[in-house]
Amino acid sequence: MIKVSCCIPGKLPPEAGFVATSQYETLLFGYQYLTSIGFDTVETSVGFVLDLTDAERAKLCADRAAGRFELCVCNCLLPSKYSIITDEAGWNALFDYLEDAFAKLSELGVSTVVFGSGRARSTPEYRDVAECDAIRTDYLMRCNALCEQYGITMVLEPLHSGETNWVNTIPAGAEVVRRLNLPHIRLLADGFHMAKEGEDPSVLRKVSDILSHAHFAEVTHRHAPYTYDEDYENRFFSTLKEIGYDGIVTCECGFRSFHEDAMNAAKRMKEILQ
């Protein structure tokens, strides 16, 4: 069954009934609040997890063991200071960061990490495209080894052309995933980026075998599903169900009124997906 998820906001709304005073409380209370209004699970950024102290991470591990917390997916793998297209020193720093990140994500039971990071993966103007493609292939192969070590799947997220110049569409992402054929590198479908690139949801029918995660935000304002035009949302979610997708779909978006829009989005998504 498809699970409906939402990214934990940096600041919880008043309707949540409490004020978080630490990263730990934001994650714990954010999970409890979002699941109380209809979501099955939550998503947050890798950076949010890495900002936890060792003591906070240990407490979340205990909360997870007691059934009070779950975090299956993290996005925004690479912060802006890192680039895949870099020199040897930058490459070594990048993988020191990734080794630390994967270890800490694994502790919390994270099973999927999103490789969006449009700026970090882009081809710089002064670099040869083929050379950069070879570097990106090496990067994905090394990430696959980390995934194997820590029991995590990395999903490649096609981003619209305003955010990156490498892998902008579902077919482009599928070509990379299939060509490399790495067991822990799969594909993500983001309805917002698809709509920005003029892709019809029907393209998902050709990638059902490699699709492991999904995001959505409506294209006009990048707000929650079902806050504006519902046509694309309905076709995107219906296609996921049609192809037998059984992973997580996360609302990765902004909100007008967080409580009302998030609750409505969870309800409408479940009506179509489950």
C-alpha atoms as a PDB file:
ATOM      1  CA  MET A   1       0.000   0.000   0.000  1.00  0.00           C
ATOM      2  CA  ILE A   2       1.215   3.484  -0.834  1.00  0.00           C
ATOM      3  CA  LYS A   3       2.175   5.574   2.200  1.00  0.00           C
ATOM      4  CA  VAL A   4       1.372   9.302   2.295  1.00  0.00           C
ATOM      5  CA  SER A   5       4.073  11.494   3.817  1.00  0.00           C
ATOM      6  CA  CYS A   6       4.872  15.155   4.486  1.00  0.00           C
ATOM      7  CA  CYS A   7       8.100  17.057   5.046  1.00  0.00           C
ATOM      8  CA  ILE A   8       8.410  18.231   8.642  1.00  0.00           C
ATOM      9  CA  PRO A   9       8.267  22.054   8.717  1.00  0.00           C
ATOM     10  CA  GLY A  10      11.130  23.920  10.360  1.00  0.00           C
ATOM     11  CA  LYS A  11       8.589  25.589  12.633  1.00  0.00           C
ATOM     12  CA  LEU A  12       5.525  23.675  13.782  1.00  0.00           C
ATOM     13  CA  PRO A  13       2.192  25.537  13.526  1.00  0.00           C
ATOM     14  CA  PRO A  14       0.263  26.653  16.638  1.00  0.00           C
ATOM     15  CA  GLU A  15      -2.320  23.951  15.932  1.00  0.00           C
ATOM     16  CA  ALA A  16       0.300  21.368  16.828  1.00  0.00           C
ATOM     17  CA  GLY A  17      -0.188  22.365  20.471  1.00  0.00           C
ATOM     18  CA  PHE A  18       3.464  22.647  21.450  1.00  0.00           C
ATOM     19  CA  VAL A  19       6.554  24.704  20.683  1.00  0.00           C
ATOM     20  CA  ALA A  20       9.673  22.747  19.773  1.00  0.00           C
ATOM     21  CA  THR A  21      12.831  24.098  21.374  1.00  0.00           C
ATOM     22  CA  SER A  22      15.398  21.792  19.722  1.00  0.00           C
ATOM     23  CA  GLN A  23      16.043  19.779  16.563  1.00  0.00           C
ATOM     24  CA  TYR A  24      15.105  16.674  18.516  1.00  0.00           C
ATOM     25  CA  GLU A  25      11.706  18.040  19.526  1.00  0.00           C
ATOM     26  CA  THR A  26      10.982  19.335  16.028  1.00  0.00           C
ATOM     27  CA  LEU A  27      11.527  15.877  14.548  1.00  0.00           C
ATOM     28  CA  LEU A  28       9.705  13.960  17.288  1.00  0.00           C
ATOM     29  CA  PHE A  29       6.736  16.321  17.661  1.00  0.00           C
ATOM     30  CA  GLY A  30       6.649  16.937  13.899  1.00  0.00           C
ATOM     31  CA  TYR A  31       6.248  13.221  13.296  1.00  0.00           C
ATOM     32  CA  GLN A  32       3.569  12.896  15.973  1.00  0.00           C
ATOM     33  CA  TYR A  33       1.673  15.946  14.734  1.00  0.00           C
ATOM     34  CA  LEU A  34       1.726  15.042  11.038  1.00  0.00           C
ATOM     35  CA  THR A  35       0.690  11.437  11.651  1.00  0.00           C
ATOM     36  CA  SER A  36      -2.134  12.683  13.909  1.00  0.00           C
ATOM     37  CA  ILE A  37      -3.630  14.723  11.037  1.00  0.00           C
ATOM     38  CA  GLY A  38      -3.580  11.910   8.499  1.00  0.00           C
ATOM     39  CA  PHE A  39      -0.075  11.255   7.164  1.00  0.00           C
ATOM     40  CA  ASP A  40       1.445   7.794   7.478  1.00  0.00           C
ATOM     41  CA  THR A  41       5.029   8.942   7.920  1.00  0.00           C
ATOM     42  CA  VAL A  42       7.338  11.952   7.486  1.00  0.00           C
ATOM     43  CA  GLU A  43      10.381  13.168   5.578  1.00  0.00           C
ATOM     44  CA  THR A  44      13.080  15.676   6.443  1.00  0.00           C
ATOM     45  CA  SER A  45      16.437  16.838   5.128  1.00  0.00           C
ATOM     46  CA  VAL A  46      19.746  15.104   5.690  1.00  0.00           C
ATOM     47  CA  GLY A  47      21.021  18.363   7.163  1.00  0.00           C
ATOM     48  CA  PHE A  48      18.285  18.340   9.793  1.00  0.00           C
ATOM     49  CA  VAL A  49      19.467  14.925  10.973  1.00  0.00           C
ATOM     50  CA  LEU A  50      23.141  15.894  10.917  1.00  0.00           C
ATOM     51  CA  ASP A  51      22.378  18.942  13.080  1.00  0.00           C
ATOM     52  CA  LEU A  52      21.217  16.657  15.905  1.00  0.00           C
ATOM     53  CA  THR A  53      23.613  16.205  18.794  1.00  0.00           C
ATOM     54  CA  ASP A  54      24.754  12.688  19.575  1.00  0.00           C
ATOM     55  CA  ALA A  55      22.495  12.714  22.633  1.00  0.00           C
ATOM     56  CA  GLU A  56      19.481  13.860  20.603  1.00  0.00           C
ATOM     57  CA  ARG A  57      20.078  11.197  17.977  1.00  0.00           C
ATOM     58  CA  ALA A  58      20.314   8.552  20.690  1.00  0.00           C
ATOM     59  CA  LYS A  59      16.981   9.723  22.129  1.00  0.00           C
ATOM     60  CA  LEU A  60      15.339   9.514  18.693  1.00  0.00           C
ATOM     61  CA  CYS A  61      16.712   5.992  18.270  1.00  0.00           C
ATOM     62  CA  ALA A  62      15.072   5.098  21.579  1.00  0.00           C
ATOM     63  CA  ASP A  63      11.818   6.766  20.473  1.00  0.00           C
ATOM     64  CA  ARG A  64      11.935   4.756  17.248  1.00  0.00           C
ATOM     65  CA  ALA A  65      12.480   1.517  19.146  1.00  0.00           C
ATOM     66  CA  ALA A  66       9.471   2.352  21.333  1.00  0.00           C
ATOM     67  CA  GLY A  67       7.246   3.097  18.308  1.00  0.00           C
ATOM     68  CA  ARG A  68       7.060   6.847  18.977  1.00  0.00           C
ATOM     69  CA  PHE A  69       9.026   7.933  15.899  1.00  0.00           C
ATOM     70  CA  GLU A  70       9.692   6.895  12.319  1.00  0.00           C
ATOM     71  CA  LEU A  71      11.827   8.457   9.615  1.00  0.00           C
ATOM     72  CA  CYS A  72      12.036   6.470   6.395  1.00  0.00           C
ATOM     73  CA  VAL A  73      13.247   9.112   3.919  1.00  0.00           C
ATOM     74  CA  CYS A  74      15.615  12.092   3.935  1.00  0.00           C
ATOM     75  CA  ASN A  75      16.072  14.606   1.116  1.00  0.00           C
ATOM     76  CA  CYS A  76      18.630  17.309   0.207  1.00  0.00           C
ATOM     77  CA  LEU A  77      21.599  14.974   0.473  1.00  0.00           C
ATOM     78  CA  LEU A  78      24.318  17.485  -0.381  1.00  0.00           C
ATOM     79  CA  PRO A  79      24.529  20.977   1.150  1.00  0.00           C
ATOM     80  CA  SER A  80      25.427  23.854  -1.162  1.00  0.00           C
ATOM     81  CA  LYS A  81      29.089  23.917  -0.131  1.00  0.00           C
ATOM     82  CA  TYR A  82      29.710  20.572  -1.854  1.00  0.00           C
ATOM     83  CA  SER A  83      30.025  19.853  -5.571  1.00  0.00           C
ATOM     84  CA  ILE A  84      30.455  16.508  -7.291  1.00  0.00           C
ATOM     85  CA  ILE A  85      32.528  18.173 -10.005  1.00  0.00           C
ATOM     86  CA  THR A  86      35.524  19.080  -7.873  1.00  0.00           C
ATOM     87  CA  ASP A  87      39.216  18.454  -7.303  1.00  0.00           C
ATOM     88  CA  GLU A  88      40.769  15.623  -5.276  1.00  0.00           C
ATOM     89  CA  ALA A  89      40.621  17.523  -1.980  1.00  0.00           C
ATOM     90  CA  GLY A  90      36.980  18.422  -2.572  1.00  0.00           C
ATOM     91  CA  TRP A  91      36.212  14.805  -3.527  1.00  0.00           C
ATOM     92  CA  ASN A  92      37.766  13.490  -0.320  1.00  0.00           C
ATOM     93  CA  ALA A  93      35.844  16.032   1.788  1.00  0.00           C
ATOM     94  CA  LEU A  94      32.630  15.101  -0.023  1.00  0.00           C
ATOM     95  CA  PHE A  95      32.950  11.422   0.792  1.00  0.00           C
ATOM     96  CA  ASP A  96      34.003  12.065   4.377  1.00  0.00           C
ATOM     97  CA  TYR A  97      30.721  13.966   4.682  1.00  0.00           C
ATOM     98  CA  LEU A  98      28.735  11.205   2.956  1.00  0.00           C
ATOM     99  CA  GLU A  99      30.251   8.470   5.126  1.00  0.00           C
ATOM    100  CA  ASP A 100      29.231  10.369   8.254  1.00  0.00           C
ATOM    101  CA  ALA A 101      25.774  11.140   6.860  1.00  0.00           C
ATOM    102  CA  PHE A 102      24.955   7.574   5.828  1.00  0.00           C
ATOM    103  CA  ALA A 103      26.090   6.188   9.182  1.00  0.00           C
ATOM    104  CA  LYS A 104      23.848   8.592  11.118  1.00  0.00           C
ATOM    105  CA  LEU A 105      20.869   8.111   8.797  1.00  0.00           C
ATOM    106  CA  SER A 106      21.186   4.368   9.190  1.00  0.00           C
ATOM    107  CA  GLU A 107      21.118   4.677  12.987  1.00  0.00           C
ATOM    108  CA  LEU A 108      17.671   6.286  12.720  1.00  0.00           C
ATOM    109  CA  GLY A 109      16.342   3.642  10.346  1.00  0.00           C
ATOM    110  CA  VAL A 110      16.304   5.828   7.235  1.00  0.00           C
ATOM    111  CA  SER A 111      15.926   3.507   4.247  1.00  0.00           C
ATOM    112  CA  THR A 112      15.835   6.031   1.378  1.00  0.00           C
ATOM    113  CA  VAL A 113      17.908   9.126   0.674  1.00  0.00           C
ATOM    114  CA  VAL A 114      17.044  11.586  -2.100  1.00  0.00           C
ATOM    115  CA  PHE A 115      19.771  12.703  -4.496  1.00  0.00           C
ATOM    116  CA  GLY A 116      18.391  15.992  -5.754  1.00  0.00           C
ATOM    117  CA  SER A 117      21.103  18.558  -5.002  1.00  0.00           C
ATOM    118  CA  GLY A 118      20.778  20.306  -8.359  1.00  0.00           C
ATOM    119  CA  ARG A 119      23.655  22.718  -7.936  1.00  0.00           C
ATOM    120  CA  ALA A 120      26.075  20.070  -6.689  1.00  0.00           C
ATOM    121  CA  ARG A 121      25.502  17.782  -9.669  1.00  0.00           C
ATOM    122  CA  SER A 122      25.370  20.380 -12.462  1.00  0.00           C
ATOM    123  CA  THR A 123      27.950  20.638 -15.233  1.00  0.00           C
ATOM    124  CA  PRO A 124      29.915  23.887 -14.771  1.00  0.00           C
ATOM    125  CA  GLU A 125      30.094  26.119 -17.845  1.00  0.00           C
ATOM    126  CA  TYR A 126      33.832  25.600 -18.237  1.00  0.00           C
ATOM    127  CA  ARG A 127      33.816  21.774 -17.960  1.00  0.00           C
ATOM    128  CA  ASP A 128      33.416  19.106 -20.617  1.00  0.00           C
ATOM    129  CA  VAL A 129      30.056  17.333 -20.381  1.00  0.00           C
ATOM    130  CA  ALA A 130      31.466  13.864 -21.061  1.00  0.00           C
ATOM    131  CA  GLU A 131      34.128  14.368 -18.387  1.00  0.00           C
ATOM    132  CA  CYS A 132      31.471  15.461 -15.879  1.00  0.00           C
ATOM    133  CA  ASP A 133      29.297  12.472 -16.785  1.00  0.00           C
ATOM    134  CA  ALA A 134      32.216  10.172 -15.974  1.00  0.00           C
ATOM    135  CA  ILE A 135      32.685  11.901 -12.599  1.00  0.00           C
ATOM    136  CA  ARG A 136      28.958  11.605 -11.836  1.00  0.00           C
ATOM    137  CA  THR A 137      29.075   7.907 -12.725  1.00  0.00           C
ATOM    138  CA  ASP A 138      31.977   7.401 -10.312  1.00  0.00           C
ATOM    139  CA  TYR A 139      30.047   9.320  -7.653  1.00  0.00           C
ATOM    140  CA  LEU A 140      26.950   7.139  -8.064  1.00  0.00           C
ATOM    141  CA  MET A 141      29.023   3.958  -7.964  1.00  0.00           C
ATOM    142  CA  ARG A 142      30.681   5.042  -4.722  1.00  0.00           C
ATOM    143  CA  CYS A 143      27.306   6.034  -3.278  1.00  0.00           C
ATOM    144  CA  ASN A 144      25.961   2.615  -4.227  1.00  0.00           C
ATOM    145  CA  ALA A 145      28.737   1.054  -2.137  1.00  0.00           C
ATOM    146  CA  LEU A 146      27.772   3.254   0.832  1.00  0.00           C
ATOM    147  CA  CYS A 147      24.147   2.273   0.349  1.00  0.00           C
ATOM    148  CA  GLU A 148      25.137  -1.383   0.386  1.00  0.00           C
ATOM    149  CA  GLN A 149      27.108  -0.872   3.582  1.00  0.00           C
ATOM    150  CA  TYR A 150      24.338   0.955   5.427  1.00  0.00           C
ATOM    151  CA  GLY A 151      21.199  -0.650   4.002  1.00  0.00           C
ATOM    152  CA  ILE A 152      19.964   2.493   2.237  1.00  0.00           C
ATOM    153  CA  THR A 153      18.562   3.151  -1.238  1.00  0.00           C
ATOM    154  CA  MET A 154      19.482   6.372  -3.053  1.00  0.00           C
ATOM    155  CA  VAL A 155      16.874   7.781  -5.438  1.00  0.00           C
ATOM    156  CA  LEU A 156      17.911  10.065  -8.300  1.00  0.00           C
ATOM    157  CA  GLU A 157      15.506  13.003  -8.555  1.00  0.00           C
ATOM    158  CA  PRO A 158      14.988  14.631 -11.969  1.00  0.00           C
ATOM    159  CA  LEU A 159      14.846  18.407 -11.371  1.00  0.00           C
ATOM    160  CA  HIS A 160      13.483  21.049 -13.728  1.00  0.00           C
ATOM    161  CA  SER A 161      15.933  22.973 -15.882  1.00  0.00           C
ATOM    162  CA  GLY A 162      15.783  26.052 -13.657  1.00  0.00           C
ATOM    163  CA  GLU A 163      17.553  24.075 -10.888  1.00  0.00           C
ATOM    164  CA  THR A 164      20.120  21.941 -12.716  1.00  0.00           C
ATOM    165  CA  ASN A 165      21.477  21.141 -16.162  1.00  0.00           C
ATOM    166  CA  TRP A 166      21.800  17.394 -15.535  1.00  0.00           C
ATOM    167  CA  VAL A 167      18.787  15.016 -15.513  1.00  0.00           C
ATOM    168  CA  ASN A 168      15.700  17.195 -15.930  1.00  0.00           C
ATOM    169  CA  THR A 169      13.112  14.591 -16.937  1.00  0.00           C
ATOM    170  CA  ILE A 170      11.882  11.154 -15.963  1.00  0.00           C
ATOM    171  CA  PRO A 171      13.289   9.522 -19.155  1.00  0.00           C
ATOM    172  CA  ALA A 172      16.690  11.162 -18.533  1.00  0.00           C
ATOM    173  CA  GLY A 173      16.754   9.860 -14.965  1.00  0.00           C
ATOM    174  CA  ALA A 174      15.631   6.412 -16.068  1.00  0.00           C
ATOM    175  CA  GLU A 175      18.434   6.281 -18.654  1.00  0.00           C
ATOM    176  CA  VAL A 176      21.058   6.893 -15.952  1.00  0.00           C
ATOM    177  CA  VAL A 177      19.575   4.377 -13.519  1.00  0.00           C
ATOM    178  CA  ARG A 178      19.190   1.657 -16.153  1.00  0.00           C
ATOM    179  CA  ARG A 179      22.565   2.228 -17.803  1.00  0.00           C
ATOM    180  CA  LEU A 180      24.483   1.976 -14.511  1.00  0.00           C
ATOM    181  CA  ASN A 181      22.265  -0.840 -13.217  1.00  0.00           C
ATOM    182  CA  LEU A 182      23.395  -0.377  -9.615  1.00  0.00           C
ATOM    183  CA  PRO A 183      21.246  -2.278  -7.090  1.00  0.00           C
ATOM    184  CA  HIS A 184      20.843   0.608  -4.636  1.00  0.00           C
ATOM    185  CA  ILE A 185      20.388   3.504  -7.090  1.00  0.00           C
ATOM    186  CA  ARG A 186      16.766   3.999  -8.120  1.00  0.00           C
ATOM    187  CA  LEU A 187      14.480   6.738  -9.472  1.00  0.00           C
ATOM    188  CA  LEU A 188      12.271   9.382  -7.848  1.00  0.00           C
ATOM    189  CA  ALA A 189       9.297  11.067  -9.541  1.00  0.00           C
ATOM    190  CA  ASP A 190       8.488  14.622  -8.415  1.00  0.00           C
ATOM    191  CA  GLY A 191       5.189  15.911  -9.778  1.00  0.00           C
ATOM    192  CA  PHE A 192       6.247  19.547  -9.437  1.00  0.00           C
ATOM    193  CA  HIS A 193       9.395  19.142 -11.514  1.00  0.00           C
ATOM    194  CA  MET A 194       7.569  16.958 -14.036  1.00  0.00           C
ATOM    195  CA  ALA A 195       4.887  19.591 -14.548  1.00  0.00           C
ATOM    196  CA  LYS A 196       7.501  22.357 -14.858  1.00  0.00           C
ATOM    197  CA  GLU A 197       9.146  20.353 -17.657  1.00  0.00           C
ATOM    198  CA  GLY A 198       5.810  19.687 -19.371  1.00  0.00           C
ATOM    199  CA  GLU A 199       5.858  15.953 -18.642  1.00  0.00           C
ATOM    200  CA  ASP A 200       2.559  14.112 -18.567  1.00  0.00           C
ATOM    201  CA  PRO A 201       2.132  11.675 -15.658  1.00  0.00           C
ATOM    202  CA  SER A 202       1.751   8.892 -18.218  1.00  0.00           C
ATOM    203  CA  VAL A 203       5.588   8.803 -18.508  1.00  0.00           C
ATOM    204  CA  LEU A 204       5.583   6.985 -15.154  1.00  0.00           C
ATOM    205  CA  ARG A 205       4.148   3.899 -16.840  1.00  0.00           C
ATOM    206  CA  LYS A 206       7.554   3.254 -18.405  1.00  0.00           C
ATOM    207  CA  VAL A 207       9.537   3.414 -15.149  1.00  0.00           C
ATOM    208  CA  SER A 208       7.454   1.351 -12.736  1.00  0.00           C
ATOM    209  CA  ASP A 209      10.287  -1.168 -12.333  1.00  0.00           C
ATOM    210  CA  ILE A 210      12.821   1.396 -11.061  1.00  0.00           C
ATOM    211  CA  LEU A 211      10.575   3.914  -9.266  1.00  0.00           C
ATOM    212  CA  SER A 212      11.221   3.924  -5.504  1.00  0.00           C
ATOM    213  CA  HIS A 213       9.998   7.286  -4.186  1.00  0.00           C
ATOM    214  CA  ALA A 214       7.745  10.201  -5.137  1.00  0.00           C
ATOM    215  CA  HIS A 215       7.304  13.884  -4.235  1.00  0.00           C
ATOM    216  CA  PHE A 216       4.528  16.289  -5.030  1.00  0.00           C
ATOM    217  CA  ALA A 217       3.766  20.011  -4.950  1.00  0.00           C
ATOM    218  CA  GLU A 218       1.287  21.766  -7.213  1.00  0.00           C
ATOM    219  CA  VAL A 219       3.003  23.587 -10.025  1.00  0.00           C
ATOM    220  CA  THR A 220       1.492  27.095  -9.805  1.00  0.00           C
ATOM    221  CA  HIS A 221       2.750  28.125  -6.361  1.00  0.00           C
ATOM    222  CA  ARG A 222       4.587  24.966  -5.227  1.00  0.00           C
ATOM    223  CA  HIS A 223       1.991  24.585  -2.507  1.00  0.00           C
ATOM    224  CA  ALA A 224       0.292  21.486  -1.126  1.00  0.00           C
ATOM    225  CA  PRO A 225      -1.735  19.214  -3.410  1.00  0.00           C
ATOM    226  CA  TYR A 226      -5.379  20.167  -3.871  1.00  0.00           C
ATOM    227  CA  THR A 227      -4.941  23.839  -3.032  1.00  0.00           C
ATOM    228  CA  TYR A 228      -5.319  25.016  -6.653  1.00  0.00           C
ATOM    229  CA  ASP A 229      -5.829  23.110  -9.934  1.00  0.00           C
ATOM    230  CA  GLU A 230      -6.509  19.448  -9.178  1.00  0.00           C
ATOM    231  CA  ASP A 231      -6.235  17.966 -12.682  1.00  0.00           C
ATOM    232  CA  TYR A 232      -2.507  17.261 -12.715  1.00  0.00           C
ATOM    233  CA  GLU A 233      -2.577  16.018  -9.114  1.00  0.00           C
ATOM    234  CA  ASN A 234      -5.356  13.549  -9.888  1.00  0.00           C
ATOM    235  CA  ARG A 235      -3.548  12.181 -12.946  1.00  0.00           C
ATOM    236  CA  PHE A 236      -0.184  11.970 -11.157  1.00  0.00           C
ATOM    237  CA  PHE A 237      -1.550  10.084  -8.143  1.00  0.00           C
ATOM    238  CA  SER A 238      -3.863   7.893 -10.222  1.00  0.00           C
ATOM    239  CA  THR A 239      -0.963   6.857 -12.449  1.00  0.00           C
ATOM    240  CA  LEU A 240       1.119   5.870  -9.423  1.00  0.00           C
ATOM    241  CA  LYS A 241      -1.695   3.619  -8.263  1.00  0.00           C
ATOM    242  CA  GLU A 242      -2.244   2.275 -11.778  1.00  0.00           C
ATOM    243  CA  ILE A 243       1.375   1.141 -12.189  1.00  0.00           C
ATOM    244  CA  GLY A 244       1.351  -0.661  -8.856  1.00  0.00           C
ATOM    245  CA  TYR A 245       3.670   1.734  -7.064  1.00  0.00           C
ATOM    246  CA  ASP A 246       3.821   0.762  -3.389  1.00  0.00           C
ATOM    247  CA  GLY A 247       6.295   3.226  -1.892  1.00  0.00           C
ATOM    248  CA  ILE A 248       5.976   6.633  -0.228  1.00  0.00           C
ATOM    249  CA  VAL A 249       4.580   9.849  -1.719  1.00  0.00           C
ATOM    250  CA  THR A 250       5.734  12.969   0.143  1.00  0.00           C
ATOM    251  CA  CYS A 251       4.239  16.450   0.097  1.00  0.00           C
ATOM    252  CA  GLU A 252       7.399  18.506  -0.422  1.00  0.00           C
ATOM    253  CA  CYS A 253       5.854  21.928  -0.702  1.00  0.00           C
ATOM    254  CA  GLY A 254       4.837  25.210   0.835  1.00  0.00           C
ATOM    255  CA  PHE A 255       1.506  25.867   2.521  1.00  0.00           C
ATOM    256  CA  ARG A 256      -0.931  28.759   2.845  1.00  0.00           C
ATOM    257  CA  SER A 257      -2.308  27.497   6.159  1.00  0.00           C
ATOM    258  CA  PHE A 258      -0.156  24.554   7.192  1.00  0.00           C
ATOM    259  CA  HIS A 259      -2.674  22.742   9.378  1.00  0.00           C
ATOM    260  CA  GLU A 260      -5.642  23.077   7.027  1.00  0.00           C
ATOM    261  CA  ASP A 261      -3.770  22.467   3.773  1.00  0.00           C
ATOM    262  CA  ALA A 262      -1.722  19.563   5.118  1.00  0.00           C
ATOM    263  CA  MET A 263      -4.760  17.819   6.589  1.00  0.00           C
ATOM    264  CA  ASN A 264      -6.719  18.292   3.345  1.00  0.00           C
ATOM    265  CA  ALA A 265      -3.802  17.044   1.233  1.00  0.00           C
ATOM    266  CA  ALA A 266      -3.417  13.878   3.331  1.00  0.00           C
ATOM    267  CA  LYS A 267      -7.147  13.161   3.104  1.00  0.00           C
ATOM    268  CA  ARG A 268      -7.403  13.694  -0.679  1.00  0.00           C
ATOM    269  CA  MET A 269      -4.206  11.782  -1.473  1.00  0.00           C
ATOM    270  CA  LYS A 270      -5.403   8.791   0.506  1.00  0.00           C
ATOM    271  CA  GLU A 271      -8.776   8.869  -1.262  1.00  0.00           C
ATOM    272  CA  ILE A 272      -7.000   8.366  -4.583  1.00  0.00           C
ATOM    273  CA  LEU A 273      -3.994   6.263  -3.590  1.00  0.00           C
ATOM    274  CA  GLN A 274      -5.439   3.744  -1.141  1.00  0.00           C
END
